[in-house]
Amino acid sequence: MLGLSTAQLSLWAATYAIEVALFLFLFFRRQYRDFPFFSAYIVGVLVQNTLLFFSYSHWGFDTPQSSRIAWASQAFVVLLRALVAMELCQRLVGRYAGIWALTWRVLAAFAAVILAYCLLQPAFSIPAAIVSAHRGVELTIATVVVMVFFFAYYY
């Protein structure tokens, strides 16, 4: 099925099971209220995995339909991941008004730079823009984590 080996299907199933377990943990402990974007991210990843599984099962890997579904769902997951980073930063430094003011401005500046970079590429394509956005979000998360640790160390 799907043209994947048994090991790959097993890993996909294990990953999906862990994601479901994490969602259930958040749900039953009512942590979705405290972490709404993280909860939405987990749901988004579950939806993405489900869509991809059925898309690949029905159309296969190398079809335009599967490709569109994969890239659209990845764009949505990247956006949710960026919101999770913002939520985490707000939870960590939100009680310090000055630090939070700087942090959200840095996040907004990075978001603007990432968006401009994705849209102004010479060979613009949706997949290339999503990959660039993913790379930019990960770079932003790394930068903000270092910045938060820096402030936490000194304050």
C-alpha atoms as a PDB file:
ATOM      1  CA  MET A   1       0.000   0.000   0.000  1.00  0.00           C
ATOM      2  CA  LEU A   2       1.258   3.465  -0.917  1.00  0.00           C
ATOM      3  CA  GLY A   3       4.415   1.954  -2.355  1.00  0.00           C
ATOM      4  CA  LEU A   4       6.104   2.232   1.036  1.00  0.00           C
ATOM      5  CA  SER A   5       8.041  -0.451   2.820  1.00  0.00           C
ATOM      6  CA  THR A   6       6.656  -2.061   5.949  1.00  0.00           C
ATOM      7  CA  ALA A   7       9.196  -0.163   8.046  1.00  0.00           C
ATOM      8  CA  GLN A   8       8.110   3.180   6.569  1.00  0.00           C
ATOM      9  CA  LEU A   9       4.430   2.413   7.114  1.00  0.00           C
ATOM     10  CA  SER A  10       5.215   1.331  10.669  1.00  0.00           C
ATOM     11  CA  LEU A  11       7.041   4.580  11.358  1.00  0.00           C
ATOM     12  CA  TRP A  12       4.176   6.576   9.853  1.00  0.00           C
ATOM     13  CA  ALA A  13       1.688   4.720  12.064  1.00  0.00           C
ATOM     14  CA  ALA A  14       3.879   5.173  15.157  1.00  0.00           C
ATOM     15  CA  THR A  15       4.227   8.898  14.484  1.00  0.00           C
ATOM     16  CA  TYR A  16       0.477   9.220  14.019  1.00  0.00           C
ATOM     17  CA  ALA A  17      -0.162   7.287  17.250  1.00  0.00           C
ATOM     18  CA  ILE A  18       2.180   9.575  19.187  1.00  0.00           C
ATOM     19  CA  GLU A  19       0.450  12.649  17.753  1.00  0.00           C
ATOM     20  CA  VAL A  20      -2.951  11.247  18.753  1.00  0.00           C
ATOM     21  CA  ALA A  21      -1.628  10.475  22.247  1.00  0.00           C
ATOM     22  CA  LEU A  22      -0.322  14.027  22.581  1.00  0.00           C
ATOM     23  CA  PHE A  23      -3.653  15.431  21.425  1.00  0.00           C
ATOM     24  CA  LEU A  24      -5.530  13.249  23.915  1.00  0.00           C
ATOM     25  CA  PHE A  25      -3.139  14.324  26.680  1.00  0.00           C
ATOM     26  CA  LEU A  26      -3.825  17.986  25.874  1.00  0.00           C
ATOM     27  CA  PHE A  27      -7.562  17.346  25.640  1.00  0.00           C
ATOM     28  CA  PHE A  28      -8.070  15.351  28.826  1.00  0.00           C
ATOM     29  CA  ARG A  29      -5.861  17.636  30.894  1.00  0.00           C
ATOM     30  CA  ARG A  30      -7.682  20.634  29.376  1.00  0.00           C
ATOM     31  CA  GLN A  31      -4.355  22.104  28.315  1.00  0.00           C
ATOM     32  CA  TYR A  32      -5.852  23.173  24.983  1.00  0.00           C
ATOM     33  CA  ARG A  33      -7.158  26.232  26.831  1.00  0.00           C
ATOM     34  CA  ASP A  34      -3.680  27.206  27.978  1.00  0.00           C
ATOM     35  CA  PHE A  35      -1.989  26.356  24.669  1.00  0.00           C
ATOM     36  CA  PRO A  36      -4.539  27.032  21.911  1.00  0.00           C
ATOM     37  CA  PHE A  37      -2.024  27.419  19.066  1.00  0.00           C
ATOM     38  CA  PHE A  38      -0.057  24.329  20.090  1.00  0.00           C
ATOM     39  CA  SER A  39      -3.309  22.368  20.248  1.00  0.00           C
ATOM     40  CA  ALA A  40      -4.289  23.703  16.826  1.00  0.00           C
ATOM     41  CA  TYR A  41      -0.844  22.716  15.540  1.00  0.00           C
ATOM     42  CA  ILE A  42      -1.267  19.135  16.781  1.00  0.00           C
ATOM     43  CA  VAL A  43      -4.713  18.946  15.172  1.00  0.00           C
ATOM     44  CA  GLY A  44      -3.264  20.448  11.971  1.00  0.00           C
ATOM     45  CA  VAL A  45      -0.507  17.837  11.849  1.00  0.00           C
ATOM     46  CA  LEU A  46      -3.052  15.067  12.431  1.00  0.00           C
ATOM     47  CA  VAL A  47      -5.252  16.408   9.641  1.00  0.00           C
ATOM     48  CA  GLN A  48      -2.227  16.759   7.359  1.00  0.00           C
ATOM     49  CA  ASN A  49      -1.107  13.186   7.988  1.00  0.00           C
ATOM     50  CA  THR A  50      -4.621  11.871   7.419  1.00  0.00           C
ATOM     51  CA  LEU A  51      -5.034  13.845   4.188  1.00  0.00           C
ATOM     52  CA  LEU A  52      -1.664  12.715   2.901  1.00  0.00           C
ATOM     53  CA  PHE A  53      -2.315   9.089   3.759  1.00  0.00           C
ATOM     54  CA  PHE A  54      -5.603   9.020   1.873  1.00  0.00           C
ATOM     55  CA  SER A  55      -4.263  11.154  -0.960  1.00  0.00           C
ATOM     56  CA  TYR A  56      -1.263   8.902  -1.481  1.00  0.00           C
ATOM     57  CA  SER A  57      -3.459   5.807  -1.137  1.00  0.00           C
ATOM     58  CA  HIS A  58      -5.913   7.058  -3.729  1.00  0.00           C
ATOM     59  CA  TRP A  59      -3.753   8.943  -6.263  1.00  0.00           C
ATOM     60  CA  GLY A  60      -0.185   7.905  -5.458  1.00  0.00           C
ATOM     61  CA  PHE A  61       2.893   9.973  -4.687  1.00  0.00           C
ATOM     62  CA  ASP A  62       3.661  11.617  -8.007  1.00  0.00           C
ATOM     63  CA  THR A  63       0.288  12.999  -9.011  1.00  0.00           C
ATOM     64  CA  PRO A  64      -0.713  16.660  -9.217  1.00  0.00           C
ATOM     65  CA  GLN A  65      -3.615  16.084  -6.802  1.00  0.00           C
ATOM     66  CA  SER A  66      -1.360  14.622  -4.111  1.00  0.00           C
ATOM     67  CA  SER A  67       1.200  17.335  -4.694  1.00  0.00           C
ATOM     68  CA  ARG A  68      -1.373  20.122  -4.252  1.00  0.00           C
ATOM     69  CA  ILE A  69      -2.734  18.529  -1.090  1.00  0.00           C
ATOM     70  CA  ALA A  70       0.763  18.004   0.321  1.00  0.00           C
ATOM     71  CA  TRP A  71       1.942  21.564  -0.336  1.00  0.00           C
ATOM     72  CA  ALA A  72      -1.281  23.207   0.852  1.00  0.00           C
ATOM     73  CA  SER A  73      -1.298  21.216   4.070  1.00  0.00           C
ATOM     74  CA  GLN A  74       2.405  21.953   4.620  1.00  0.00           C
ATOM     75  CA  ALA A  75       1.773  25.689   4.213  1.00  0.00           C
ATOM     76  CA  PHE A  76      -0.951  25.476   6.850  1.00  0.00           C
ATOM     77  CA  VAL A  77       1.301  23.520   9.243  1.00  0.00           C
ATOM     78  CA  VAL A  78       4.154  26.033   8.788  1.00  0.00           C
ATOM     79  CA  LEU A  79       1.788  28.873   9.668  1.00  0.00           C
ATOM     80  CA  LEU A  80       0.616  27.009  12.767  1.00  0.00           C
ATOM     81  CA  ARG A  81       4.228  26.323  13.773  1.00  0.00           C
ATOM     82  CA  ALA A  82       4.980  30.050  13.590  1.00  0.00           C
ATOM     83  CA  LEU A  83       1.970  30.760  15.814  1.00  0.00           C
ATOM     84  CA  VAL A  84       3.181  28.139  18.297  1.00  0.00           C
ATOM     85  CA  ALA A  85       6.557  29.890  18.489  1.00  0.00           C
ATOM     86  CA  MET A  86       4.783  33.173  19.180  1.00  0.00           C
ATOM     87  CA  GLU A  87       2.607  31.529  21.828  1.00  0.00           C
ATOM     88  CA  LEU A  88       5.620  29.979  23.537  1.00  0.00           C
ATOM     89  CA  CYS A  89       7.482  33.279  23.594  1.00  0.00           C
ATOM     90  CA  GLN A  90       4.436  35.041  25.001  1.00  0.00           C
ATOM     91  CA  ARG A  91       4.146  32.417  27.729  1.00  0.00           C
ATOM     92  CA  LEU A  92       7.837  32.694  28.602  1.00  0.00           C
ATOM     93  CA  VAL A  93       8.346  36.455  28.562  1.00  0.00           C
ATOM     94  CA  GLY A  94       4.807  37.861  28.461  1.00  0.00           C
ATOM     95  CA  ARG A  95       4.855  38.938  32.078  1.00  0.00           C
ATOM     96  CA  TYR A  96       7.823  41.219  31.338  1.00  0.00           C
ATOM     97  CA  ALA A  97       6.193  43.970  29.314  1.00  0.00           C
ATOM     98  CA  GLY A  98       9.401  45.429  27.889  1.00  0.00           C
ATOM     99  CA  ILE A  99      10.898  42.106  26.866  1.00  0.00           C
ATOM    100  CA  TRP A 100       7.615  40.959  25.352  1.00  0.00           C
ATOM    101  CA  ALA A 101       7.335  44.236  23.428  1.00  0.00           C
ATOM    102  CA  LEU A 102      10.782  43.608  21.932  1.00  0.00           C
ATOM    103  CA  THR A 103      10.067  39.921  21.301  1.00  0.00           C
ATOM    104  CA  TRP A 104       6.827  40.424  19.387  1.00  0.00           C
ATOM    105  CA  ARG A 105       8.438  43.158  17.303  1.00  0.00           C
ATOM    106  CA  VAL A 106      11.315  40.839  16.432  1.00  0.00           C
ATOM    107  CA  LEU A 107       8.810  38.118  15.523  1.00  0.00           C
ATOM    108  CA  ALA A 108       6.803  40.551  13.373  1.00  0.00           C
ATOM    109  CA  ALA A 109       9.952  41.784  11.629  1.00  0.00           C
ATOM    110  CA  PHE A 110      11.070  38.242  10.903  1.00  0.00           C
ATOM    111  CA  ALA A 111       7.595  37.390   9.599  1.00  0.00           C
ATOM    112  CA  ALA A 112       7.709  40.361   7.230  1.00  0.00           C
ATOM    113  CA  VAL A 113      11.191  39.426   5.994  1.00  0.00           C
ATOM    114  CA  ILE A 114      10.176  35.791   5.491  1.00  0.00           C
ATOM    115  CA  LEU A 115       7.043  36.790   3.591  1.00  0.00           C
ATOM    116  CA  ALA A 116       8.966  39.192   1.369  1.00  0.00           C
ATOM    117  CA  TYR A 117      11.669  36.590   0.735  1.00  0.00           C
ATOM    118  CA  CYS A 118       9.085  33.964  -0.219  1.00  0.00           C
ATOM    119  CA  LEU A 119       7.189  36.246  -2.576  1.00  0.00           C
ATOM    120  CA  LEU A 120      10.187  37.922  -4.237  1.00  0.00           C
ATOM    121  CA  GLN A 121      12.115  34.841  -5.291  1.00  0.00           C
ATOM    122  CA  PRO A 122      13.293  34.943  -8.910  1.00  0.00           C
ATOM    123  CA  ALA A 123      11.729  31.584  -9.769  1.00  0.00           C
ATOM    124  CA  PHE A 124       8.514  31.887  -7.765  1.00  0.00           C
ATOM    125  CA  SER A 125       6.563  28.707  -7.281  1.00  0.00           C
ATOM    126  CA  ILE A 126       4.258  27.606  -4.500  1.00  0.00           C
ATOM    127  CA  PRO A 127       6.454  24.679  -3.381  1.00  0.00           C
ATOM    128  CA  ALA A 128       9.577  26.855  -3.353  1.00  0.00           C
ATOM    129  CA  ALA A 129       7.756  29.560  -1.388  1.00  0.00           C
ATOM    130  CA  ILE A 130       6.536  27.033   1.181  1.00  0.00           C
ATOM    131  CA  VAL A 131      10.008  25.537   1.576  1.00  0.00           C
ATOM    132  CA  SER A 132      11.451  29.041   2.005  1.00  0.00           C
ATOM    133  CA  ALA A 133       8.761  29.904   4.541  1.00  0.00           C
ATOM    134  CA  HIS A 134       9.485  26.700   6.435  1.00  0.00           C
ATOM    135  CA  ARG A 135      13.198  27.493   6.490  1.00  0.00           C
ATOM    136  CA  GLY A 136      12.493  31.066   7.593  1.00  0.00           C
ATOM    137  CA  VAL A 137      10.131  30.004  10.366  1.00  0.00           C
ATOM    138  CA  GLU A 138      12.686  27.549  11.701  1.00  0.00           C
ATOM    139  CA  LEU A 139      15.385  30.242  11.604  1.00  0.00           C
ATOM    140  CA  THR A 140      13.051  32.633  13.408  1.00  0.00           C
ATOM    141  CA  ILE A 141      12.272  30.048  16.070  1.00  0.00           C
ATOM    142  CA  ALA A 142      15.975  29.410  16.619  1.00  0.00           C
ATOM    143  CA  THR A 143      16.702  33.142  16.851  1.00  0.00           C
ATOM    144  CA  VAL A 144      13.869  33.792  19.272  1.00  0.00           C
ATOM    145  CA  VAL A 145      14.818  30.818  21.449  1.00  0.00           C
ATOM    146  CA  VAL A 146      18.367  32.151  21.736  1.00  0.00           C
ATOM    147  CA  MET A 147      17.011  35.639  22.462  1.00  0.00           C
ATOM    148  CA  VAL A 148      14.663  34.312  25.167  1.00  0.00           C
ATOM    149  CA  PHE A 149      17.491  32.333  26.777  1.00  0.00           C
ATOM    150  CA  PHE A 150      19.675  35.436  26.668  1.00  0.00           C
ATOM    151  CA  PHE A 151      17.047  37.514  28.450  1.00  0.00           C
ATOM    152  CA  ALA A 152      16.234  34.722  30.894  1.00  0.00           C
ATOM    153  CA  TYR A 153      19.914  34.452  31.817  1.00  0.00           C
ATOM    154  CA  TYR A 154      20.333  38.181  32.439  1.00  0.00           C
ATOM    155  CA  TYR A 155      16.924  38.893  33.963  1.00  0.00           C
END
